[in-house]
């Protein structure tokens, strides 16, 4: 009888602890990521790009990204004296309540040193690091791999909504 009471108390404590963790995760989860996708590759290709829409409920910054499939960096492409240039940037501002699009020809996540070919239909985990209100949080997004010829117009507005949060 006492064993059942102890087990019930332990289950209650675990349930309350999980509820507290979920509440704190929801309080910190103030950045939404949608339509995450990665351009597929051909055999022996060593780089690709990842694209998505990021929406911060409060001003934030994307300060880092990582993936088990490659080295990942935040990049921007822009015209400079009639030449399109790409460069790594240390962070990307995410203004309050505005969508920031990472898309081909603009801001994006560069995946370099790919460990394998990225084939349409696969998923690539990307861990995004956000700085918001002095705290850094991580959010893992599962980005859908699209055909090597995919463009931003092919996004369809529905891929990549699967997200896991870590704080």
N, C-alpha and C. Protein backbone atom coordinates (compact mmCIF):
# COMPACT_ATOMS: atom_id res chain seq x y z
N UNK A 1 0.83 -1.19 0.00
CA UNK A 1 0.00 0.00 0.00
C UNK A 1 0.88 1.25 0.00
N UNK A 2 1.89 1.28 0.90
CA UNK A 2 2.77 2.44 0.95
C UNK A 2 3.55 2.59 -0.34
N UNK A 3 3.89 1.50 -0.98
CA UNK A 3 4.61 1.56 -2.25
C UNK A 3 3.75 2.23 -3.32
N UNK A 4 2.44 1.93 -3.31
CA UNK A 4 1.55 2.56 -4.28
C UNK A 4 1.44 4.05 -4.02
N UNK A 5 1.37 4.45 -2.76
CA UNK A 5 1.29 5.87 -2.40
C UNK A 5 2.57 6.59 -2.84
N UNK A 6 3.72 5.98 -2.57
CA UNK A 6 5.01 6.57 -2.98
C UNK A 6 5.08 6.70 -4.49
N UNK A 7 4.62 5.68 -5.21
CA UNK A 7 4.64 5.72 -6.67
C UNK A 7 3.72 6.81 -7.18
N UNK A 8 2.55 6.97 -6.57
CA UNK A 8 1.62 8.02 -6.98
C UNK A 8 2.22 9.40 -6.72
N UNK A 9 2.86 9.58 -5.56
CA UNK A 9 3.51 10.87 -5.26
C UNK A 9 4.63 11.15 -6.25
N UNK A 10 5.43 10.15 -6.56
CA UNK A 10 6.53 10.33 -7.51
C UNK A 10 5.98 10.71 -8.88
N UNK A 11 4.90 10.05 -9.28
CA UNK A 11 4.30 10.38 -10.58
C UNK A 11 3.77 11.80 -10.58
N UNK A 12 3.18 12.24 -9.45
CA UNK A 12 2.68 13.62 -9.36
C UNK A 12 3.82 14.61 -9.45
N UNK A 13 4.93 14.33 -8.80
CA UNK A 13 6.09 15.23 -8.83
C UNK A 13 6.64 15.32 -10.24
N UNK A 14 6.75 14.19 -10.92
CA UNK A 14 7.25 14.18 -12.30
C UNK A 14 6.30 14.97 -13.21
N UNK A 15 5.00 14.77 -13.04
CA UNK A 15 4.01 15.48 -13.86
C UNK A 15 4.11 16.98 -13.63
N UNK A 16 4.21 17.39 -12.36
CA UNK A 16 4.34 18.82 -12.06
C UNK A 16 5.64 19.38 -12.64
N UNK A 17 6.71 18.61 -12.54
CA UNK A 17 7.99 19.06 -13.10
C UNK A 17 7.92 19.23 -14.60
N UNK A 18 7.30 18.27 -15.29
CA UNK A 18 7.15 18.39 -16.74
C UNK A 18 6.26 19.57 -17.11
N UNK A 19 5.20 19.79 -16.37
CA UNK A 19 4.32 20.93 -16.64
C UNK A 19 5.09 22.23 -16.47
N UNK A 20 5.93 22.30 -15.45
CA UNK A 20 6.75 23.50 -15.25
C UNK A 20 7.73 23.72 -16.39
N UNK A 21 8.34 22.65 -16.86
CA UNK A 21 9.27 22.77 -17.99
C UNK A 21 8.55 23.22 -19.25
N UNK A 22 7.38 22.67 -19.49
CA UNK A 22 6.62 23.07 -20.67
C UNK A 22 6.19 24.53 -20.57
N UNK A 23 5.78 24.96 -19.40
CA UNK A 23 5.38 26.36 -19.22
C UNK A 23 6.57 27.29 -19.45
N UNK A 24 7.74 26.93 -18.93
CA UNK A 24 8.90 27.80 -19.13
C UNK A 24 9.35 27.76 -20.59
N UNK A 25 9.23 26.61 -21.27
CA UNK A 25 9.58 26.54 -22.69
C UNK A 25 8.65 27.42 -23.50
N UNK A 26 7.36 27.39 -23.18
CA UNK A 26 6.42 28.23 -23.90
C UNK A 26 6.68 29.71 -23.65
N UNK A 27 7.07 30.05 -22.43
CA UNK A 27 7.36 31.45 -22.12
C UNK A 27 8.58 31.93 -22.90
N UNK A 28 9.55 31.03 -23.13
CA UNK A 28 10.76 31.41 -23.85
C UNK A 28 10.61 31.26 -25.36
N UNK A 29 9.65 30.46 -25.81
CA UNK A 29 9.50 30.18 -27.24
C UNK A 29 8.81 31.36 -27.92
N UNK A 30 9.55 32.43 -28.12
CA UNK A 30 8.99 33.63 -28.71
C UNK A 30 9.49 33.87 -30.12
N UNK A 31 10.04 32.83 -30.73
CA UNK A 31 10.49 32.92 -32.12
C UNK A 31 9.88 31.73 -32.87
N UNK A 32 9.13 32.03 -33.92
CA UNK A 32 8.52 30.99 -34.74
C UNK A 32 9.33 30.82 -36.01
N UNK A 33 9.52 29.58 -36.42
CA UNK A 33 10.22 29.28 -37.67
C UNK A 33 9.27 28.46 -38.53
N UNK A 34 9.11 28.87 -39.79
CA UNK A 34 8.22 28.14 -40.69
C UNK A 34 8.87 27.99 -42.06
N UNK A 35 8.31 27.09 -42.84
CA UNK A 35 8.75 26.85 -44.22
C UNK A 35 10.25 26.59 -44.34
N UNK A 36 10.81 25.84 -43.41
CA UNK A 36 12.25 25.53 -43.46
C UNK A 36 12.51 24.47 -44.53
N UNK A 37 13.46 24.76 -45.40
CA UNK A 37 13.83 23.81 -46.44
C UNK A 37 15.30 23.97 -46.82
N UNK A 38 15.83 22.92 -47.41
CA UNK A 38 17.23 22.88 -47.86
C UNK A 38 17.23 22.46 -49.32
N UNK A 39 18.06 23.10 -50.11
CA UNK A 39 18.17 22.72 -51.52
C UNK A 39 18.96 21.41 -51.60
N UNK A 40 18.41 20.45 -52.34
CA UNK A 40 19.08 19.17 -52.54
C UNK A 40 20.39 19.34 -53.30
N UNK A 41 21.18 18.30 -53.29
CA UNK A 41 22.50 18.35 -53.93
C UNK A 41 22.67 17.19 -54.91
N UNK A 42 23.70 17.31 -55.74
CA UNK A 42 24.10 16.21 -56.62
C UNK A 42 25.25 15.48 -55.93
N UNK A 43 25.56 14.24 -56.37
CA UNK A 43 26.66 13.52 -55.74
C UNK A 43 27.95 14.34 -55.76
N UNK A 44 28.69 14.28 -54.68
CA UNK A 44 29.99 14.95 -54.49
C UNK A 44 29.87 16.46 -54.28
N UNK A 45 28.68 17.02 -54.31
CA UNK A 45 28.52 18.46 -54.00
C UNK A 45 28.76 18.65 -52.52
N UNK A 46 29.50 19.69 -52.14
CA UNK A 46 29.90 19.87 -50.74
C UNK A 46 29.21 21.03 -50.03
N UNK A 47 28.32 21.75 -50.73
CA UNK A 47 27.65 22.88 -50.09
C UNK A 47 26.22 23.01 -50.58
N UNK A 48 25.39 23.59 -49.74
CA UNK A 48 24.01 23.89 -50.10
C UNK A 48 23.52 25.02 -49.20
N UNK A 49 22.29 25.42 -49.40
CA UNK A 49 21.71 26.47 -48.59
C UNK A 49 20.43 26.01 -47.91
N UNK A 50 20.16 26.61 -46.74
CA UNK A 50 18.92 26.36 -46.01
C UNK A 50 18.15 27.67 -45.92
N UNK A 51 16.84 27.57 -46.03
CA UNK A 51 16.00 28.75 -46.13
C UNK A 51 14.78 28.57 -45.24
N UNK A 52 14.21 29.67 -44.77
CA UNK A 52 13.06 29.60 -43.86
C UNK A 52 12.52 30.99 -43.61
N UNK A 53 11.40 31.07 -42.91
CA UNK A 53 10.86 32.34 -42.44
C UNK A 53 10.93 32.33 -40.93
N UNK A 54 11.47 33.41 -40.34
CA UNK A 54 11.61 33.53 -38.90
C UNK A 54 10.76 34.72 -38.44
N UNK A 55 9.98 34.51 -37.39
CA UNK A 55 9.09 35.55 -36.86
C UNK A 55 9.31 35.65 -35.35
N UNK A 56 9.86 36.75 -34.89
CA UNK A 56 10.12 36.96 -33.46
C UNK A 56 8.98 37.77 -32.85
N UNK A 57 8.44 37.30 -31.75
CA UNK A 57 7.37 38.02 -31.06
C UNK A 57 7.92 39.24 -30.32
N UNK A 58 9.16 39.17 -29.92
CA UNK A 58 9.91 40.29 -29.34
C UNK A 58 11.22 40.39 -30.12
N UNK A 59 11.81 41.57 -30.17
CA UNK A 59 13.06 41.74 -30.91
C UNK A 59 14.07 40.68 -30.48
N UNK A 60 14.77 40.11 -31.44
CA UNK A 60 15.74 39.05 -31.18
C UNK A 60 16.81 39.09 -32.26
N UNK A 61 17.79 38.20 -32.13
CA UNK A 61 18.83 38.03 -33.14
C UNK A 61 19.07 36.55 -33.35
N UNK A 62 19.28 36.17 -34.59
CA UNK A 62 19.79 34.83 -34.89
C UNK A 62 21.29 34.95 -34.77
N UNK A 63 21.88 34.25 -33.79
CA UNK A 63 23.31 34.42 -33.51
C UNK A 63 24.15 33.19 -33.86
N UNK A 64 23.50 32.12 -34.28
CA UNK A 64 24.27 30.95 -34.66
C UNK A 64 23.38 29.86 -35.20
N UNK A 65 24.00 28.92 -35.87
CA UNK A 65 23.28 27.77 -36.42
C UNK A 65 24.26 26.61 -36.52
N UNK A 66 23.74 25.40 -36.31
CA UNK A 66 24.57 24.21 -36.45
C UNK A 66 23.71 23.08 -37.01
N UNK A 67 24.40 22.09 -37.56
CA UNK A 67 23.71 20.92 -38.12
C UNK A 67 24.68 19.75 -38.12
N UNK A 68 24.17 18.55 -37.90
CA UNK A 68 25.05 17.38 -37.94
C UNK A 68 25.49 17.02 -39.36
N UNK A 69 24.87 17.60 -40.39
CA UNK A 69 25.20 17.22 -41.77
C UNK A 69 26.33 18.05 -42.38
N UNK A 70 26.66 19.20 -41.74
CA UNK A 70 27.66 20.09 -42.33
C UNK A 70 28.00 21.21 -41.34
N UNK A 71 29.03 21.98 -41.68
CA UNK A 71 29.30 23.22 -40.97
C UNK A 71 28.26 24.23 -41.44
N UNK A 72 27.65 24.96 -40.51
CA UNK A 72 26.58 25.89 -40.87
C UNK A 72 26.94 27.31 -40.43
N UNK A 73 26.66 28.26 -41.31
CA UNK A 73 26.92 29.68 -41.02
C UNK A 73 25.76 30.52 -41.54
N UNK A 74 25.58 31.68 -40.92
CA UNK A 74 24.58 32.64 -41.39
C UNK A 74 25.26 33.48 -42.46
N UNK A 75 24.64 33.58 -43.62
CA UNK A 75 25.21 34.33 -44.75
C UNK A 75 24.21 35.34 -45.30
N UNK A 76 24.74 36.33 -46.01
CA UNK A 76 23.89 37.24 -46.77
C UNK A 76 24.47 37.37 -48.18
N UNK A 77 23.57 37.56 -49.12
CA UNK A 77 23.97 37.87 -50.50
C UNK A 77 23.41 39.25 -50.80
N UNK A 78 24.25 40.10 -51.41
CA UNK A 78 23.76 41.42 -51.81
C UNK A 78 24.63 41.97 -52.92
N UNK A 79 24.04 42.88 -53.67
CA UNK A 79 24.76 43.53 -54.77
C UNK A 79 25.76 44.53 -54.21
N UNK A 80 26.98 44.50 -54.75
CA UNK A 80 28.05 45.41 -54.37
C UNK A 80 28.77 45.82 -55.65
N UNK A 81 28.57 47.06 -56.09
CA UNK A 81 29.16 47.53 -57.35
C UNK A 81 28.83 46.61 -58.52
N UNK A 82 27.56 46.30 -58.68
CA UNK A 82 27.05 45.46 -59.76
C UNK A 82 27.56 44.02 -59.72
N UNK A 83 28.06 43.58 -58.57
CA UNK A 83 28.51 42.20 -58.41
C UNK A 83 27.77 41.61 -57.20
N UNK A 84 27.14 40.44 -57.39
CA UNK A 84 26.48 39.77 -56.29
C UNK A 84 27.55 39.14 -55.41
N UNK A 85 27.56 39.50 -54.14
CA UNK A 85 28.56 38.98 -53.21
C UNK A 85 27.87 38.25 -52.06
N UNK A 86 28.53 37.18 -51.61
CA UNK A 86 28.04 36.43 -50.46
C UNK A 86 29.09 36.51 -49.36
N UNK A 87 28.61 36.73 -48.13
CA UNK A 87 29.53 36.77 -47.00
C UNK A 87 28.86 36.26 -45.74
N UNK A 88 29.68 35.74 -44.84
CA UNK A 88 29.18 35.31 -43.54
C UNK A 88 28.89 36.56 -42.71
N UNK A 89 27.83 36.51 -41.92
CA UNK A 89 27.52 37.59 -40.99
C UNK A 89 27.45 37.00 -39.59
N UNK A 90 27.83 37.78 -38.56
CA UNK A 90 27.85 37.23 -37.20
C UNK A 90 26.47 37.00 -36.60
N UNK A 91 25.48 37.79 -37.04
CA UNK A 91 24.12 37.64 -36.51
C UNK A 91 23.15 38.29 -37.48
N UNK A 92 21.88 37.99 -37.28
CA UNK A 92 20.83 38.56 -38.12
C UNK A 92 19.74 39.11 -37.20
N UNK A 93 19.48 40.42 -37.32
CA UNK A 93 18.44 41.05 -36.50
C UNK A 93 17.07 40.52 -36.89
N UNK A 94 16.24 40.27 -35.87
CA UNK A 94 14.87 39.81 -36.06
C UNK A 94 13.96 40.83 -35.38
N UNK A 95 13.47 41.81 -36.13
CA UNK A 95 12.63 42.85 -35.53
C UNK A 95 11.33 42.27 -34.96
N UNK A 96 10.83 42.91 -33.93
CA UNK A 96 9.60 42.48 -33.27
C UNK A 96 8.43 42.39 -34.26
N UNK A 97 7.77 41.23 -34.26
CA UNK A 97 6.54 40.98 -35.03
C UNK A 97 6.69 41.20 -36.54
N UNK A 98 7.89 40.93 -37.06
CA UNK A 98 8.10 41.02 -38.51
C UNK A 98 8.68 39.70 -39.01
N UNK A 99 8.22 39.25 -40.16
CA UNK A 99 8.80 38.06 -40.77
C UNK A 99 10.15 38.43 -41.38
N UNK A 100 11.15 37.61 -41.11
CA UNK A 100 12.45 37.75 -41.75
C UNK A 100 12.62 36.50 -42.60
N UNK A 101 12.77 36.71 -43.91
CA UNK A 101 12.87 35.57 -44.81
C UNK A 101 14.32 35.27 -45.13
N UNK A 102 14.69 34.01 -44.93
CA UNK A 102 15.96 33.50 -45.40
C UNK A 102 15.62 32.80 -46.70
N UNK A 103 16.14 33.33 -47.83
CA UNK A 103 15.74 32.82 -49.13
C UNK A 103 16.91 32.90 -50.11
N UNK A 104 16.82 32.15 -51.20
CA UNK A 104 17.88 32.22 -52.22
C UNK A 104 18.08 33.67 -52.67
N UNK A 105 19.33 34.08 -52.76
CA UNK A 105 19.65 35.43 -53.20
C UNK A 105 19.62 36.46 -52.09
N UNK A 106 19.39 36.05 -50.85
CA UNK A 106 19.33 36.98 -49.72
C UNK A 106 20.00 36.35 -48.50
N UNK A 107 19.43 36.60 -47.34
CA UNK A 107 19.93 35.94 -46.13
C UNK A 107 19.63 34.45 -46.23
N UNK A 108 20.55 33.62 -45.74
CA UNK A 108 20.35 32.18 -45.76
C UNK A 108 21.32 31.51 -44.81
N UNK A 109 21.12 30.23 -44.58
CA UNK A 109 22.08 29.42 -43.83
C UNK A 109 22.90 28.66 -44.85
N UNK A 110 24.20 28.85 -44.80
CA UNK A 110 25.11 28.14 -45.72
C UNK A 110 25.57 26.86 -45.04
N UNK A 111 25.39 25.74 -45.73
CA UNK A 111 25.84 24.44 -45.25
C UNK A 111 27.07 24.05 -46.07
N UNK A 112 28.22 23.93 -45.39
CA UNK A 112 29.48 23.66 -46.09
C UNK A 112 30.13 22.39 -45.55
N UNK A 113 30.83 21.69 -46.43
CA UNK A 113 31.48 20.45 -46.02
C UNK A 113 30.46 19.35 -45.76
N UNK A 114 29.46 19.27 -46.63
CA UNK A 114 28.41 18.27 -46.46
C UNK A 114 28.99 16.87 -46.32
N UNK A 115 28.44 16.10 -45.39
CA UNK A 115 28.92 14.75 -45.13
C UNK A 115 28.25 13.72 -46.04
N UNK A 116 27.19 14.14 -46.73
CA UNK A 116 26.45 13.22 -47.59
C UNK A 116 25.63 14.03 -48.58
N UNK A 117 25.16 13.35 -49.62
CA UNK A 117 24.28 13.99 -50.58
C UNK A 117 22.93 14.26 -49.91
N UNK A 118 22.34 15.41 -50.20
CA UNK A 118 21.02 15.76 -49.68
C UNK A 118 20.00 15.47 -50.77
N UNK A 119 19.12 14.50 -50.51
CA UNK A 119 18.16 14.06 -51.52
C UNK A 119 16.75 14.56 -51.19
N UNK A 120 16.02 14.95 -52.24
CA UNK A 120 14.65 15.43 -52.07
C UNK A 120 13.85 14.44 -51.23
N UNK A 121 13.12 14.98 -50.25
CA UNK A 121 12.32 14.14 -49.37
C UNK A 121 12.98 13.87 -48.03
N UNK A 122 14.31 13.99 -47.95
CA UNK A 122 15.00 13.83 -46.68
C UNK A 122 14.73 15.04 -45.80
N UNK A 123 15.11 14.95 -44.53
CA UNK A 123 15.05 16.11 -43.65
C UNK A 123 16.43 16.37 -43.07
N UNK A 124 16.71 17.64 -42.81
CA UNK A 124 17.99 18.06 -42.25
C UNK A 124 17.70 18.80 -40.94
N UNK A 125 18.24 18.32 -39.81
CA UNK A 125 18.05 19.07 -38.57
C UNK A 125 18.98 20.29 -38.54
N UNK A 126 18.41 21.43 -38.18
CA UNK A 126 19.17 22.67 -38.02
C UNK A 126 18.89 23.19 -36.62
N UNK A 127 19.93 23.46 -35.85
CA UNK A 127 19.75 24.05 -34.53
C UNK A 127 20.07 25.53 -34.63
N UNK A 128 19.04 26.34 -34.40
CA UNK A 128 19.17 27.79 -34.49
C UNK A 128 19.37 28.35 -33.09
N UNK A 129 20.30 29.29 -32.96
CA UNK A 129 20.55 29.95 -31.67
C UNK A 129 20.05 31.38 -31.75
N UNK A 130 19.13 31.70 -30.84
CA UNK A 130 18.55 33.04 -30.80
C UNK A 130 18.96 33.75 -29.53
N UNK A 131 19.25 35.03 -29.65
CA UNK A 131 19.50 35.86 -28.47
C UNK A 131 18.30 36.79 -28.34
N UNK A 132 17.68 36.74 -27.16
CA UNK A 132 16.48 37.53 -26.93
C UNK A 132 16.43 37.91 -25.46
N UNK A 133 16.29 39.19 -25.20
CA UNK A 133 16.23 39.69 -23.82
C UNK A 133 17.43 39.22 -22.99
N UNK A 134 18.61 39.21 -23.61
CA UNK A 134 19.83 38.84 -22.89
C UNK A 134 20.04 37.36 -22.69
N UNK A 135 19.14 36.53 -23.21
CA UNK A 135 19.27 35.08 -23.05
C UNK A 135 19.41 34.43 -24.42
N UNK A 136 20.22 33.37 -24.48
CA UNK A 136 20.38 32.62 -25.71
C UNK A 136 19.60 31.32 -25.58
N UNK A 137 18.75 31.05 -26.57
CA UNK A 137 17.99 29.81 -26.60
C UNK A 137 18.29 29.09 -27.90
N UNK A 138 18.04 27.81 -27.91
CA UNK A 138 18.23 26.99 -29.10
C UNK A 138 16.89 26.42 -29.53
N UNK A 139 16.71 26.33 -30.82
CA UNK A 139 15.49 25.75 -31.39
C UNK A 139 15.92 24.87 -32.56
N UNK A 140 15.54 23.61 -32.52
CA UNK A 140 15.88 22.69 -33.60
C UNK A 140 14.73 22.60 -34.58
N UNK A 141 15.05 22.80 -35.84
CA UNK A 141 14.07 22.78 -36.92
C UNK A 141 14.43 21.63 -37.85
N UNK A 142 13.43 20.91 -38.30
CA UNK A 142 13.64 19.84 -39.29
C UNK A 142 13.28 20.42 -40.65
N UNK A 143 14.31 20.69 -41.45
CA UNK A 143 14.11 21.30 -42.76
C UNK A 143 13.96 20.21 -43.82
N UNK A 144 12.96 20.36 -44.64
CA UNK A 144 12.69 19.41 -45.73
C UNK A 144 13.67 19.65 -46.87
N UNK A 145 14.28 18.58 -47.38
CA UNK A 145 15.17 18.71 -48.54
C UNK A 145 14.29 18.72 -49.79
N UNK A 146 14.50 19.73 -50.62
CA UNK A 146 13.77 19.84 -51.89
C UNK A 146 14.72 19.52 -53.05
N UNK A 147 14.15 19.35 -54.21
CA UNK A 147 14.93 19.05 -55.40
C UNK A 147 16.04 20.07 -55.61
N UNK A 148 17.12 19.65 -56.22
CA UNK A 148 18.28 20.50 -56.47
C UNK A 148 17.90 21.76 -57.26
N UNK A 149 16.80 21.71 -58.01
CA UNK A 149 16.38 22.87 -58.80
C UNK A 149 15.37 23.75 -58.06
N UNK A 150 15.09 23.47 -56.78
CA UNK A 150 14.08 24.21 -56.02
C UNK A 150 14.45 25.68 -55.89
N UNK A 151 13.40 26.51 -55.92
CA UNK A 151 13.59 27.94 -55.71
C UNK A 151 12.64 28.40 -54.63
N UNK A 152 12.76 29.65 -54.22
CA UNK A 152 11.88 30.19 -53.18
C UNK A 152 10.43 30.13 -53.60
N UNK A 153 10.15 30.26 -54.89
CA UNK A 153 8.77 30.24 -55.38
C UNK A 153 8.12 28.88 -55.15
N UNK A 154 8.94 27.85 -54.99
CA UNK A 154 8.41 26.50 -54.81
C UNK A 154 8.07 26.18 -53.36
N UNK A 155 8.18 27.17 -52.47
CA UNK A 155 8.03 26.88 -51.05
C UNK A 155 6.66 26.36 -50.68
N UNK A 156 5.61 26.86 -51.31
CA UNK A 156 4.29 26.33 -51.04
C UNK A 156 3.74 26.65 -49.67
N UNK A 157 4.54 27.23 -48.79
CA UNK A 157 4.07 27.68 -47.50
C UNK A 157 3.68 26.60 -46.51
N UNK A 158 4.22 25.37 -46.66
CA UNK A 158 3.79 24.34 -45.72
C UNK A 158 4.91 23.43 -45.23
N UNK A 159 6.07 23.52 -45.77
CA UNK A 159 7.14 22.60 -45.35
C UNK A 159 7.85 23.11 -44.12
N UNK A 160 8.39 22.20 -43.34
CA UNK A 160 9.29 22.57 -42.26
C UNK A 160 8.65 23.10 -41.00
N UNK A 161 7.40 22.75 -40.70
CA UNK A 161 6.77 23.25 -39.48
C UNK A 161 7.13 22.43 -38.26
N UNK A 162 7.87 21.34 -38.40
CA UNK A 162 8.24 20.52 -37.26
C UNK A 162 9.38 21.17 -36.51
N UNK A 163 9.14 21.50 -35.22
CA UNK A 163 10.16 22.19 -34.45
C UNK A 163 10.29 21.55 -33.07
N UNK A 164 11.50 21.49 -32.56
CA UNK A 164 11.77 21.08 -31.18
C UNK A 164 12.48 22.24 -30.52
N UNK A 165 12.21 22.46 -29.24
CA UNK A 165 12.81 23.58 -28.53
C UNK A 165 13.76 23.07 -27.46
N UNK A 166 14.89 23.77 -27.27
CA UNK A 166 15.84 23.49 -26.20
C UNK A 166 16.21 24.81 -25.57
N UNK A 167 16.28 24.83 -24.26
CA UNK A 167 16.67 26.09 -23.57
C UNK A 167 17.78 25.80 -22.61
